[in-house]
Amino acid sequence: MEEFSDRLVVGWVSVPADLPPTRVSLHLGSLVLASTFATVGGALSAPGTRRRRLRPANAPRGDRRRSDDQIRTFSFRVRDIWQYVDRGTRITVRVEGQPLPISGHGMFLTPPGRGQHGLERLREKLEEGYVLTQFGEIALSKRLDVEWQRTVLGLHARAARILADEHGLDLFIVYGTLLGAVREGGFIGHDADYDTAYVSRHRTAPEVALELEEVAMTLIRHGLEVDAHPLVLHVSDPEEPQHRIDVFHTYFDLDDRLRFPFGVASTHTLTTGEWAGTREIEFAGGRTRIPADPGRVVAMLYGDDWRRPKPGFNWNIERLDSVPEAGLSQEQRTRIYWSDFYSRTRSTSGSTFFEFVDAMSGVPDTVIDIGCGDGRDACAFGRSGRTVLGLDQSVVGIDHARERAASLDLAELVSFDVADVADVDDLGRALDEVEERADGPVLFYLRFFLHAIPESVQDGLLSAISAHARPGDLFAAEFRTDADAKTDKVHEKHYRRFQSAGALATDLREARGFEILHFEEGAGLSPYKGEDPVLCRIVGRRL
């Protein structure tokens, strides 16, 4: 055993190449929790530099797999097992009943503490149909979880209709879900998710990534919740957020090869001439679509040994090819995040920062709310009698902001435009328009925005504001500082950048021509659902 951590077990066996597949079992005391097959051909089976580069961090240094026989590797994820064991439990990994040596522990490992349950409770769960999943959870087998099956099949059907109608894309099952359909005629018990994919209409990585962003926005617009990762979309119904489907993208590259940006665990290829599209099958009491030649696709995804169950299959270990450049960039994921956020979040009043600024004397009658989101503070300024232009790159946010303004009868005072502040020309046109219409000073208002953009974008934004600001104009911003970097967050999934509050104040004063009217940094300024971030509030006047 090369690694036995609190989350992952990785090991190997050396056997003659002509022996049948090697079955490996994970034991907690006398209880057999899970079994898998050690196989050859994965990244950890590779000789030399490539294997060492992909080996887990805790593996022995150097090449200790010296053997004239065949090296077969295996893994288990074990995150949940610790709540069922105690210091007296001997954990072993066995082949044909014999324990394998564990690096640094001998022939068995004993837990450092006592779990909240016990082996008898785990034994009861296994008898009830629970299994150790591929992600290391103790969960009800997907073959028995009929509520989960109903939800994900319905979600797949809903997403498939949307993508077919809006993009002409065919959403079919792939990865573990396809493997289960082909090998077992249903779901794999130890699987942890429901995998779907579509074949892109494009042939290059940037175009494919842009299409994935468009797909995410379409699903959000149709009421689904989307959590965007670089190479996959996690899609759920807001009414049942505990269940999701994964939407992957594939495409044929300029060499006519089918590519899976997320990755494959084989060296097989499939060309445009060999791809026969998809077909419909009966599956788990419903109907779904699969590739017309599913065995060929499964072999491409998992290799020639796909017929042998491997509950511990780990993409981080087994992946042999991927196309990360076809994935979503940080900027694309941020756009998706905020569109999803604004589609489901409503605020009924202005923020505490609005209240602070509104109470100051000499606040201009014209406001540019940069990064306005769904118009919460823009409309609050409008209700105080000010003329406001709200700018945001989120189409969903701007749509909701316009609806909010209309519902409050503020359409004559408050307007909104979609604008990307990273596009200097786009931003400049919007600022020009406001400056030309304003009879007096203008307030450049930025709440919770500076920490949501990269430093280079912030520099361009501040330069644009500095170029347009006239004497008497105000700048007001509230943002997370570097002192907030390690605090707990309610919303963890979007981009944040933590910066020095003092450095920004110096920049505004010495490089941008603003005198600082107010500066404070600390907690207690904008508590939210148990989170109390460390923020900076800064207000400056252009000299």
Protein backbone atom coordinates (compact mmCIF):
# COMPACT_ATOMS: atom_id res chain seq x y z
CA MET A 1 0.00 0.00 0.00
CA GLU A 2 1.57 3.29 -1.10
CA GLU A 3 -0.98 5.61 0.47
CA PHE A 4 -3.58 5.18 3.21
CA SER A 5 -4.92 8.61 4.13
CA ASP A 6 -8.21 9.69 5.69
CA ARG A 7 -9.71 9.97 2.20
CA LEU A 8 -7.79 7.71 -0.17
CA VAL A 9 -6.22 4.27 -0.34
CA VAL A 10 -3.81 3.54 -3.21
CA GLY A 11 -1.80 0.39 -3.76
CA TRP A 12 -0.47 -2.14 -6.23
CA VAL A 13 0.21 -5.84 -6.66
CA SER A 14 2.81 -7.61 -8.77
CA VAL A 15 1.60 -10.79 -10.49
CA PRO A 16 2.42 -12.81 -13.62
CA ALA A 17 0.78 -11.22 -16.64
CA ASP A 18 -1.13 -14.39 -17.54
CA LEU A 19 -3.00 -14.56 -14.22
CA PRO A 20 -6.71 -13.65 -14.17
CA PRO A 21 -7.79 -10.23 -12.82
CA THR A 22 -6.68 -9.58 -9.24
CA ARG A 23 -9.51 -8.99 -6.76
CA VAL A 24 -8.67 -6.67 -3.85
CA SER A 25 -10.86 -6.24 -0.75
CA LEU A 26 -11.06 -3.57 1.95
CA HIS A 27 -11.68 -5.03 5.44
CA LEU A 28 -12.72 -3.29 8.64
CA GLY A 29 -11.97 -5.96 11.19
CA SER A 30 -13.86 -9.04 9.96
CA LEU A 31 -16.24 -6.95 7.85
CA VAL A 32 -15.61 -6.88 4.10
CA LEU A 33 -16.65 -3.37 3.12
CA ALA A 34 -15.82 -3.25 -0.59
CA SER A 35 -13.94 -5.06 -3.34
CA THR A 36 -12.34 -3.89 -6.55
CA PHE A 37 -10.02 -5.20 -9.25
CA ALA A 38 -6.38 -4.25 -9.54
CA THR A 39 -5.73 -3.49 -13.19
CA VAL A 40 -2.87 -2.64 -15.50
CA GLY A 41 -2.81 0.31 -17.84
CA GLY A 42 -3.80 3.28 -15.65
CA ALA A 43 -1.59 6.28 -15.03
CA LEU A 44 -0.25 4.74 -11.81
CA SER A 45 0.76 1.59 -13.67
CA ALA A 46 2.92 3.51 -16.11
CA PRO A 47 6.69 3.19 -15.79
CA GLY A 48 9.13 5.95 -15.11
CA THR A 49 8.54 9.68 -15.04
CA ARG A 50 4.85 9.76 -15.93
CA ARG A 51 3.86 7.42 -13.11
CA ARG A 52 5.98 9.27 -10.56
CA ARG A 53 4.42 12.58 -11.60
CA LEU A 54 0.90 11.23 -11.07
CA ARG A 55 1.63 9.20 -7.95
CA PRO A 56 -0.11 10.33 -4.72
CA ALA A 57 1.94 12.70 -2.62
CA ASN A 58 2.48 10.21 0.21
CA ALA A 59 3.83 7.44 -2.03
CA PRO A 60 7.37 6.15 -1.49
CA ARG A 61 10.08 8.11 -3.25
CA GLY A 62 11.96 6.51 -6.09
CA ASP A 63 10.79 3.51 -8.07
CA ARG A 64 9.94 0.79 -5.53
CA ARG A 65 7.84 -1.25 -7.91
CA ARG A 66 10.81 -3.17 -9.25
CA SER A 67 9.38 -6.41 -10.52
CA ASP A 68 9.66 -8.67 -13.53
CA ASP A 69 5.94 -9.37 -13.21
CA GLN A 70 2.99 -7.21 -14.16
CA ILE A 71 2.13 -4.22 -11.95
CA ARG A 72 -1.60 -3.83 -11.28
CA THR A 73 -2.90 -0.84 -9.35
CA PHE A 74 -6.06 -0.16 -7.34
CA SER A 75 -7.62 2.48 -5.12
CA PHE A 76 -10.49 3.05 -2.68
CA ARG A 77 -11.91 6.29 -1.41
CA VAL A 78 -12.63 5.98 2.31
CA ARG A 79 -13.90 9.34 3.58
CA ASP A 80 -16.88 7.96 5.54
CA ILE A 81 -15.38 4.82 7.10
CA TRP A 82 -13.86 6.62 10.09
CA GLN A 83 -17.21 7.25 11.77
CA TYR A 84 -17.72 3.47 12.06
CA VAL A 85 -14.33 2.37 13.47
CA ASP A 86 -12.35 2.82 16.68
CA ARG A 87 -8.83 2.28 17.96
CA GLY A 88 -9.41 -1.46 18.20
CA THR A 89 -10.42 -1.87 14.55
CA ARG A 90 -7.78 -3.41 12.31
CA ILE A 91 -8.15 -2.05 8.79
CA THR A 92 -6.59 -4.21 6.10
CA VAL A 93 -6.49 -4.49 2.34
CA ARG A 94 -6.37 -8.10 1.18
CA VAL A 95 -5.69 -10.21 -1.88
CA GLU A 96 -6.89 -13.82 -1.68
CA GLY A 97 -7.34 -13.38 2.06
CA GLN A 98 -3.80 -12.16 2.67
CA PRO A 99 -3.21 -8.58 3.88
CA LEU A 100 -0.98 -6.28 1.87
CA PRO A 101 1.72 -4.32 3.71
CA ILE A 102 0.80 -0.67 4.33
CA SER A 103 3.65 1.80 3.98
CA GLY A 104 4.51 3.15 7.43
CA HIS A 105 1.99 0.93 9.29
CA GLY A 106 2.83 -2.74 8.80
CA MET A 107 0.15 -5.26 7.82
CA PHE A 108 -2.80 -3.31 9.22
CA LEU A 109 -3.82 0.21 10.20
CA THR A 110 -5.63 1.21 13.39
CA PRO A 111 -7.66 4.45 13.53
CA PRO A 112 -6.36 7.28 15.73
CA GLY A 113 -9.78 7.88 17.31
CA ARG A 114 -13.28 6.53 17.86
CA GLY A 115 -16.08 7.11 15.36
CA GLN A 116 -19.55 8.23 16.42
CA HIS A 117 -21.13 4.95 15.31
CA GLY A 118 -19.59 1.48 15.21
CA LEU A 119 -19.01 -1.57 13.04
CA GLU A 120 -22.35 -3.10 13.99
CA ARG A 121 -24.17 -0.03 12.70
CA LEU A 122 -22.16 -0.23 9.49
CA ARG A 123 -22.99 -3.93 9.18
CA GLU A 124 -26.69 -3.08 9.52
CA LYS A 125 -26.40 -0.44 6.82
CA LEU A 126 -24.74 -2.86 4.44
CA GLU A 127 -27.56 -5.33 5.03
CA GLU A 128 -30.02 -2.52 4.22
CA GLY A 129 -28.35 -1.98 0.84
CA TYR A 130 -25.82 0.70 1.64
CA VAL A 131 -22.43 0.60 -0.10
CA LEU A 132 -19.09 2.38 -0.14
CA THR A 133 -19.42 4.70 -3.13
CA GLN A 134 -16.70 5.72 -5.54
CA PHE A 135 -16.38 9.00 -3.59
CA GLY A 136 -15.89 7.23 -0.26
CA GLU A 137 -19.39 7.79 1.12
CA ILE A 138 -21.53 5.19 2.86
CA ALA A 139 -24.76 5.64 0.91
CA LEU A 140 -27.77 3.70 -0.28
CA SER A 141 -26.97 1.80 -3.46
CA LYS A 142 -28.03 3.73 -6.54
CA ARG A 143 -29.72 0.53 -7.73
CA LEU A 144 -32.07 0.79 -4.72
CA ASP A 145 -32.45 4.56 -4.36
CA VAL A 146 -35.67 4.97 -6.33
CA GLU A 147 -36.20 8.59 -5.25
CA TRP A 148 -32.80 9.53 -6.65
CA GLN A 149 -33.49 7.57 -9.85
CA ARG A 150 -36.82 9.33 -10.37
CA THR A 151 -35.32 12.76 -9.81
CA VAL A 152 -32.25 12.43 -12.03
CA LEU A 153 -34.14 10.77 -14.88
CA GLY A 154 -36.69 13.57 -14.82
CA LEU A 155 -33.95 16.18 -14.62
CA HIS A 156 -32.16 14.60 -17.59
CA ALA A 157 -35.36 14.63 -19.63
CA ARG A 158 -35.97 18.28 -18.76
CA ALA A 159 -32.43 19.39 -19.58
CA ALA A 160 -32.46 17.34 -22.79
CA ARG A 161 -35.60 19.11 -24.02
CA ILE A 162 -34.11 22.51 -23.26
CA LEU A 163 -30.83 21.82 -25.05
CA ALA A 164 -32.55 20.24 -28.04
CA ASP A 165 -34.95 23.17 -28.43
CA GLU A 166 -32.47 25.98 -27.74
CA HIS A 167 -29.20 24.62 -29.14
CA GLY A 168 -30.02 21.57 -31.25
CA LEU A 169 -27.90 19.40 -28.93
CA ASP A 170 -28.53 15.74 -28.07
CA LEU A 171 -28.02 14.99 -24.35
CA PHE A 172 -27.11 11.33 -23.72
CA ILE A 173 -25.76 9.36 -20.77
CA VAL A 174 -22.01 8.94 -20.46
CA TYR A 175 -19.25 7.90 -18.03
CA GLY A 176 -20.45 5.85 -15.04
CA THR A 177 -24.12 6.04 -15.99
CA LEU A 178 -23.39 4.72 -19.48
CA LEU A 179 -21.08 2.07 -18.02
CA GLY A 180 -23.91 0.87 -15.78
CA ALA A 181 -26.38 0.77 -18.66
CA VAL A 182 -24.03 -1.30 -20.83
CA ARG A 183 -22.45 -3.57 -18.22
CA GLU A 184 -25.25 -4.04 -15.71
CA GLY A 185 -28.43 -2.98 -17.46
CA GLY A 186 -29.06 -0.25 -14.89
CA PHE A 187 -27.35 1.98 -12.39
CA ILE A 188 -24.08 0.96 -10.75
CA GLY A 189 -24.68 0.57 -7.03
CA HIS A 190 -21.51 2.33 -5.91
CA ASP A 191 -21.83 5.18 -8.41
CA ALA A 192 -22.36 8.63 -6.94
CA ASP A 193 -23.83 10.73 -9.73
CA TYR A 194 -25.73 10.76 -13.01
CA ASP A 195 -23.58 11.63 -16.01
CA THR A 196 -24.75 13.15 -19.29
CA ALA A 197 -22.97 14.71 -22.26
CA TYR A 198 -23.56 16.30 -25.63
CA VAL A 199 -21.41 16.49 -28.75
CA SER A 200 -20.56 20.11 -29.47
CA ARG A 201 -21.30 21.72 -32.81
CA HIS A 202 -17.80 23.24 -32.78
CA ARG A 203 -14.30 21.92 -33.43
CA THR A 204 -11.87 24.08 -31.44
CA ALA A 205 -11.34 24.33 -27.69
CA PRO A 206 -12.26 28.05 -27.29
CA GLU A 207 -15.48 27.62 -29.28
CA VAL A 208 -16.39 24.50 -27.32
CA ALA A 209 -15.85 26.30 -24.00
CA LEU A 210 -17.95 29.27 -25.13
CA GLU A 211 -20.77 26.91 -26.11
CA LEU A 212 -20.63 25.27 -22.67
CA GLU A 213 -21.06 28.72 -21.10
CA GLU A 214 -24.04 29.36 -23.39
CA VAL A 215 -25.54 26.00 -22.40
CA ALA A 216 -25.18 26.92 -18.71
CA MET A 217 -26.89 30.27 -19.25
CA THR A 218 -29.74 28.59 -21.13
CA LEU A 219 -30.34 26.09 -18.34
CA ILE A 220 -30.36 28.91 -15.78
CA ARG A 221 -32.80 30.91 -17.87
CA HIS A 222 -35.14 27.91 -17.86
CA GLY A 223 -35.16 27.76 -14.06
CA LEU A 224 -32.46 25.18 -13.33
CA GLU A 225 -29.62 25.70 -10.88
CA VAL A 226 -26.12 25.44 -12.37
CA ASP A 227 -22.84 25.04 -10.49
CA ALA A 228 -20.11 25.48 -13.10
CA HIS A 229 -16.78 23.68 -12.84
CA PRO A 230 -14.03 23.96 -15.45
CA LEU A 231 -15.00 20.74 -17.25
CA VAL A 232 -18.54 19.93 -16.10
CA LEU A 233 -21.81 21.59 -15.13
CA HIS A 234 -23.62 20.35 -12.01
CA VAL A 235 -27.30 20.87 -12.77
CA SER A 236 -30.16 20.59 -10.28
CA ASP A 237 -33.76 21.61 -9.75
CA PRO A 238 -33.97 24.36 -7.07
CA GLU A 239 -36.98 22.49 -5.65
CA GLU A 240 -34.85 19.34 -5.11
CA PRO A 241 -31.26 20.64 -4.83
CA GLN A 242 -30.01 17.49 -3.08
CA HIS A 243 -30.04 15.62 -6.42
CA ARG A 244 -28.19 16.67 -9.55
CA ILE A 245 -27.06 15.56 -12.98
CA ASP A 246 -23.64 16.28 -14.45
CA VAL A 247 -23.50 17.76 -17.94
CA PHE A 248 -20.20 17.17 -19.76
CA HIS A 249 -19.24 18.40 -23.21
CA THR A 250 -17.49 16.46 -25.97
CA TYR A 251 -16.42 17.49 -29.44
CA PHE A 252 -14.69 16.34 -32.61
CA ASP A 253 -11.41 18.20 -33.04
CA LEU A 254 -9.86 19.37 -36.30
CA ASP A 255 -8.32 15.90 -36.73
CA ASP A 256 -11.83 14.37 -36.55
CA ARG A 257 -11.14 12.70 -33.18
CA LEU A 258 -13.80 12.60 -30.48
CA ARG A 259 -12.43 14.43 -27.44
CA PHE A 260 -13.66 14.40 -23.86
CA PRO A 261 -12.32 17.53 -22.14
CA PHE A 262 -12.96 15.98 -18.69
CA GLY A 263 -10.83 13.01 -19.67
CA VAL A 264 -10.63 9.34 -20.59
CA ALA A 265 -8.83 6.39 -19.03
CA SER A 266 -7.69 4.77 -22.27
CA THR A 267 -5.72 5.47 -25.42
CA HIS A 268 -8.57 4.48 -27.75
CA THR A 269 -9.91 6.96 -30.29
CA LEU A 270 -13.18 7.44 -32.12
CA THR A 271 -13.48 9.45 -35.34
CA THR A 272 -16.34 11.32 -36.97
CA GLY A 273 -16.71 8.50 -39.48
CA GLU A 274 -17.06 5.96 -36.66
CA TRP A 275 -19.56 7.98 -34.62
CA ALA A 276 -23.10 6.84 -35.37
CA GLY A 277 -25.00 9.28 -33.18
CA THR A 278 -27.29 8.20 -30.35
CA ARG A 279 -30.29 5.98 -29.83
CA GLU A 280 -33.02 5.63 -27.22
CA ILE A 281 -33.20 2.75 -24.74
CA GLU A 282 -35.30 1.70 -21.77
CA PHE A 283 -33.40 2.43 -18.59
CA ALA A 284 -34.33 2.13 -14.91
CA GLY A 285 -38.04 2.28 -15.59
CA GLY A 286 -37.76 5.18 -18.01
CA ARG A 287 -36.17 6.01 -21.32
CA THR A 288 -32.86 7.68 -22.09
CA ARG A 289 -30.38 8.11 -24.90
CA ILE A 290 -27.01 6.41 -25.31
CA PRO A 291 -24.36 6.40 -28.06
CA ALA A 292 -25.41 4.14 -30.93
CA ASP A 293 -22.26 2.05 -30.33
CA PRO A 294 -22.09 2.22 -26.51
CA GLY A 295 -19.45 -0.48 -26.02
CA ARG A 296 -17.01 1.41 -28.21
CA VAL A 297 -17.53 4.61 -26.23
CA VAL A 298 -17.26 2.84 -22.86
CA ALA A 299 -13.96 1.25 -23.94
CA MET A 300 -12.70 4.68 -24.93
CA LEU A 301 -13.70 6.10 -21.55
CA TYR A 302 -12.49 3.30 -19.27
CA GLY A 303 -10.18 1.00 -21.23
CA ASP A 304 -10.51 -2.62 -22.27
CA ASP A 305 -11.13 -3.87 -18.71
CA TRP A 306 -14.37 -1.89 -18.34
CA ARG A 307 -16.37 -5.07 -17.75
CA ARG A 308 -14.74 -5.54 -14.34
CA PRO A 309 -16.26 -3.48 -11.49
CA LYS A 310 -13.87 -1.06 -9.79
CA PRO A 311 -15.67 0.74 -6.94
CA GLY A 312 -12.49 2.62 -6.14
CA PHE A 313 -12.04 4.03 -9.64
CA ASN A 314 -10.46 7.46 -9.30
CA TRP A 315 -10.18 9.84 -12.22
CA ASN A 316 -7.28 11.68 -10.61
CA ILE A 317 -5.34 8.43 -10.81
CA GLU A 318 -6.69 6.71 -13.93
CA ARG A 319 -7.06 9.66 -16.34
CA LEU A 320 -4.78 9.28 -19.38
CA ASP A 321 -6.01 12.10 -21.59
CA SER A 322 -8.03 15.30 -21.21
CA VAL A 323 -8.46 18.68 -22.87
CA PRO A 324 -8.32 21.30 -20.09
CA GLU A 325 -8.04 24.13 -22.61
CA ALA A 326 -11.62 23.33 -23.69
CA GLY A 327 -12.84 24.04 -20.17
CA LEU A 328 -14.50 27.11 -18.72
CA SER A 329 -12.19 29.93 -17.70
CA GLN A 330 -12.41 31.62 -14.31
CA GLU A 331 -14.15 34.57 -15.96
CA GLN A 332 -16.71 32.29 -17.62
CA ARG A 333 -17.43 30.43 -14.38
CA THR A 334 -17.84 33.75 -12.58
CA ARG A 335 -20.39 34.93 -15.14
CA ILE A 336 -22.31 31.69 -14.77
CA TYR A 337 -22.18 31.90 -10.98
CA TRP A 338 -23.68 35.39 -10.83
CA SER A 339 -26.35 34.59 -13.40
CA ASP A 340 -27.35 31.58 -11.34
CA PHE A 341 -27.21 33.60 -8.12
CA TYR A 342 -29.37 36.44 -9.41
CA SER A 343 -31.88 34.02 -10.92
CA ARG A 344 -32.67 32.67 -7.44
CA THR A 345 -31.91 35.54 -5.05
CA ARG A 346 -34.09 38.54 -4.27
CA SER A 347 -33.39 41.41 -1.87
CA THR A 348 -36.21 43.69 -0.78
CA SER A 349 -34.24 46.71 0.44
CA GLY A 350 -30.94 48.50 0.01
CA SER A 351 -27.75 47.21 1.59
CA THR A 352 -26.16 48.55 4.76
CA PHE A 353 -23.56 50.25 2.57
CA PHE A 354 -26.32 52.06 0.67
CA GLU A 355 -27.75 53.23 3.99
CA PHE A 356 -24.32 54.48 5.03
CA VAL A 357 -23.70 56.39 1.79
CA ASP A 358 -27.26 57.71 1.57
CA ALA A 359 -26.92 59.21 5.05
CA MET A 360 -23.79 61.18 4.12
CA SER A 361 -24.11 64.86 3.28
CA GLY A 362 -23.41 66.07 -0.23
CA VAL A 363 -24.13 62.80 -2.04
CA PRO A 364 -24.66 63.58 -5.78
CA ASP A 365 -28.06 63.28 -7.43
CA THR A 366 -26.61 61.09 -10.21
CA VAL A 367 -25.29 57.60 -9.43
CA ILE A 368 -23.43 55.04 -11.54
CA ASP A 369 -23.81 51.67 -9.78
CA ILE A 370 -20.98 49.55 -11.19
CA GLY A 371 -21.57 45.84 -10.63
CA CYS A 372 -25.19 46.51 -9.73
CA GLY A 373 -26.32 42.87 -9.84
CA ASP A 374 -30.09 42.65 -9.57
CA GLY A 375 -30.45 46.37 -8.89
CA ARG A 376 -30.88 46.21 -5.14
CA ASP A 377 -28.95 49.37 -4.29
CA ALA A 378 -29.61 51.10 -7.62
CA CYS A 379 -33.34 51.00 -6.92
CA ALA A 380 -32.74 52.12 -3.33
CA PHE A 381 -30.93 55.19 -4.66
CA GLY A 382 -33.82 55.71 -7.09
CA ARG A 383 -36.34 55.64 -4.26
CA SER A 384 -34.32 58.39 -2.57
CA GLY A 385 -34.91 60.55 -5.66
CA ARG A 386 -31.62 60.08 -7.49
CA THR A 387 -31.04 59.28 -11.16
CA VAL A 388 -29.19 55.98 -11.48
CA LEU A 389 -27.50 53.91 -14.18
CA GLY A 390 -26.75 50.34 -13.11
CA LEU A 391 -24.09 48.35 -14.97
CA ASP A 392 -23.44 44.61 -14.75
CA GLN A 393 -22.19 41.88 -17.08
CA SER A 394 -24.90 39.44 -15.96
CA VAL A 395 -27.82 39.45 -18.38
CA VAL A 396 -29.94 37.66 -15.78
CA GLY A 397 -29.04 40.23 -13.15
CA ILE A 398 -29.90 43.14 -15.45
CA ASP A 399 -33.21 41.56 -16.47
CA HIS A 400 -34.18 41.21 -12.83
CA ALA A 401 -32.98 44.74 -12.07
CA ARG A 402 -35.22 46.15 -14.79
CA GLU A 403 -38.15 44.14 -13.47
CA ARG A 404 -37.47 45.45 -9.97
CA ALA A 405 -37.33 49.07 -11.16
CA ALA A 406 -40.57 48.67 -13.12
CA SER A 407 -42.36 47.10 -10.15
CA LEU A 408 -41.31 50.06 -7.97
CA ASP A 409 -42.37 52.59 -10.63
CA LEU A 410 -38.77 53.80 -10.94
CA ALA A 411 -38.26 53.32 -14.68
CA GLU A 412 -37.89 57.07 -15.28
CA LEU A 413 -35.17 57.44 -12.66
CA VAL A 414 -33.33 54.11 -12.77
CA SER A 415 -32.01 52.40 -15.89
CA PHE A 416 -29.74 49.42 -16.44
CA ASP A 417 -27.30 48.26 -19.11
CA VAL A 418 -25.34 45.08 -19.64
CA ALA A 419 -21.66 46.06 -19.60
CA ASP A 420 -18.40 44.21 -19.08
CA VAL A 421 -16.02 46.43 -17.13
CA ALA A 422 -13.11 44.41 -18.52
CA ASP A 423 -14.01 45.93 -21.91
CA VAL A 424 -12.61 49.44 -21.54
CA ASP A 425 -14.46 50.74 -24.61
CA ASP A 426 -17.78 49.32 -23.41
CA LEU A 427 -17.29 50.83 -19.97
CA GLY A 428 -16.15 54.15 -21.41
CA ARG A 429 -19.29 54.54 -23.51
CA ALA A 430 -21.49 54.00 -20.46
CA LEU A 431 -19.54 56.49 -18.36
CA ASP A 432 -19.58 59.04 -21.19
CA GLU A 433 -23.36 58.79 -21.41
CA VAL A 434 -23.87 59.52 -17.72
CA GLU A 435 -21.34 62.33 -17.59
CA GLU A 436 -23.02 64.04 -20.55
CA ARG A 437 -26.49 63.87 -18.96
CA ALA A 438 -25.52 64.80 -15.41
CA ASP A 439 -26.11 68.42 -14.35
CA GLY A 440 -23.83 68.14 -11.34
CA PRO A 441 -21.45 65.77 -9.60
CA VAL A 442 -21.68 62.00 -10.09
CA LEU A 443 -21.31 59.19 -7.55
CA PHE A 444 -19.32 56.17 -8.76
CA TYR A 445 -20.71 53.44 -6.50
CA LEU A 446 -19.17 49.96 -6.18
CA ARG A 447 -20.48 47.60 -3.52
CA PHE A 448 -19.00 44.09 -3.19
CA PHE A 449 -17.54 44.44 -6.66
CA LEU A 450 -13.81 45.13 -6.42
CA HIS A 451 -13.14 41.79 -4.73
CA ALA A 452 -15.08 40.01 -7.50
CA ILE A 453 -12.79 41.08 -10.35
CA PRO A 454 -9.10 40.38 -11.11
CA GLU A 455 -6.50 42.99 -10.24
CA SER A 456 -5.90 43.84 -13.90
CA VAL A 457 -9.61 44.51 -14.45
CA GLN A 458 -9.75 46.65 -11.31
CA ASP A 459 -6.81 48.71 -12.53
CA GLY A 460 -8.54 49.33 -15.86
CA LEU A 461 -11.80 50.21 -14.11
CA LEU A 462 -10.15 52.70 -11.76
CA SER A 463 -8.29 54.25 -14.69
CA ALA A 464 -11.58 54.68 -16.58
CA ILE A 465 -13.26 56.25 -13.55
CA SER A 466 -10.29 58.55 -13.04
CA ALA A 467 -10.39 59.61 -16.69
CA HIS A 468 -14.11 60.45 -16.55
CA ALA A 469 -14.39 61.87 -13.04
CA ARG A 470 -14.73 65.64 -12.68
CA PRO A 471 -13.95 67.77 -9.65
CA GLY A 472 -16.59 67.13 -7.00
CA ASP A 473 -17.48 63.63 -8.19
CA LEU A 474 -17.54 60.96 -5.45
CA PHE A 475 -16.16 57.44 -5.38
CA ALA A 476 -17.67 55.00 -2.85
CA ALA A 477 -16.68 51.34 -2.54
CA GLU A 478 -17.19 48.50 -0.10
CA PHE A 479 -15.10 45.35 -0.57
CA ARG A 480 -13.52 42.40 1.21
CA THR A 481 -9.95 42.95 2.34
CA ASP A 482 -7.00 40.62 2.81
CA ALA A 483 -8.00 40.35 6.47
CA ASP A 484 -11.13 38.48 5.32
CA ALA A 485 -9.29 35.80 3.34
CA LYS A 486 -9.57 33.08 5.98
CA THR A 487 -13.01 33.79 7.43
CA ASP A 488 -15.95 31.44 6.82
CA LYS A 489 -18.10 32.27 3.80
CA VAL A 490 -21.81 31.58 3.19
CA HIS A 491 -21.24 31.46 -0.58
CA GLU A 492 -17.98 29.63 -1.23
CA LYS A 493 -18.21 28.87 -4.94
CA HIS A 494 -17.38 32.12 -6.70
CA TYR A 495 -14.21 34.07 -7.38
CA ARG A 496 -12.95 36.42 -4.69
CA ARG A 497 -9.78 38.48 -4.53
CA PHE A 498 -8.64 39.87 -1.22
CA GLN A 499 -6.60 43.07 -1.28
CA SER A 500 -5.03 45.59 1.03
CA ALA A 501 -7.47 48.34 1.97
CA GLY A 502 -4.62 50.74 2.70
CA ALA A 503 -3.02 50.12 -0.69
CA LEU A 504 -6.26 50.99 -2.48
CA ALA A 505 -6.65 54.18 -0.45
CA THR A 506 -3.10 55.17 -1.36
CA ASP A 507 -3.76 54.43 -5.03
CA LEU A 508 -6.91 56.56 -5.08
CA ARG A 509 -5.19 59.44 -3.32
CA GLU A 510 -1.79 59.45 -5.02
CA ALA A 511 -2.53 58.08 -8.50
CA ARG A 512 -6.21 58.82 -9.14
CA GLY A 513 -6.66 62.33 -7.77
CA PHE A 514 -9.18 61.63 -4.97
CA GLU A 515 -9.12 62.97 -1.44
CA ILE A 516 -10.29 60.37 1.09
CA LEU A 517 -13.40 61.50 2.97
CA HIS A 518 -14.05 58.26 4.83
CA PHE A 519 -12.00 55.12 5.43
CA GLU A 520 -12.73 52.20 7.75
CA GLU A 521 -11.88 48.51 7.80
CA GLY A 522 -13.37 45.83 10.02
CA ALA A 523 -16.16 43.37 10.71
CA GLY A 524 -19.70 44.28 11.67
CA LEU A 525 -20.35 46.38 8.56
CA SER A 526 -22.48 43.92 6.61
CA PRO A 527 -23.37 40.69 8.48
CA TYR A 528 -25.15 38.10 6.33
CA LYS A 529 -26.66 34.75 7.39
CA GLY A 530 -24.13 34.22 10.15
CA GLU A 531 -21.21 35.52 8.10
CA ASP A 532 -19.53 38.73 9.26
CA PRO A 533 -16.92 39.63 6.64
CA VAL A 534 -13.98 41.96 7.15
CA LEU A 535 -14.72 44.84 4.80
CA CYS A 536 -13.34 48.20 3.81
CA ARG A 537 -15.58 51.20 3.27
CA ILE A 538 -13.93 54.02 1.41
CA VAL A 539 -15.37 57.28 0.08
CA GLY A 540 -13.34 59.81 -1.90
CA ARG A 541 -13.94 63.12 -3.67
CA ARG A 542 -12.26 64.01 -6.96
CA LEU A 543 -10.09 67.10 -6.58
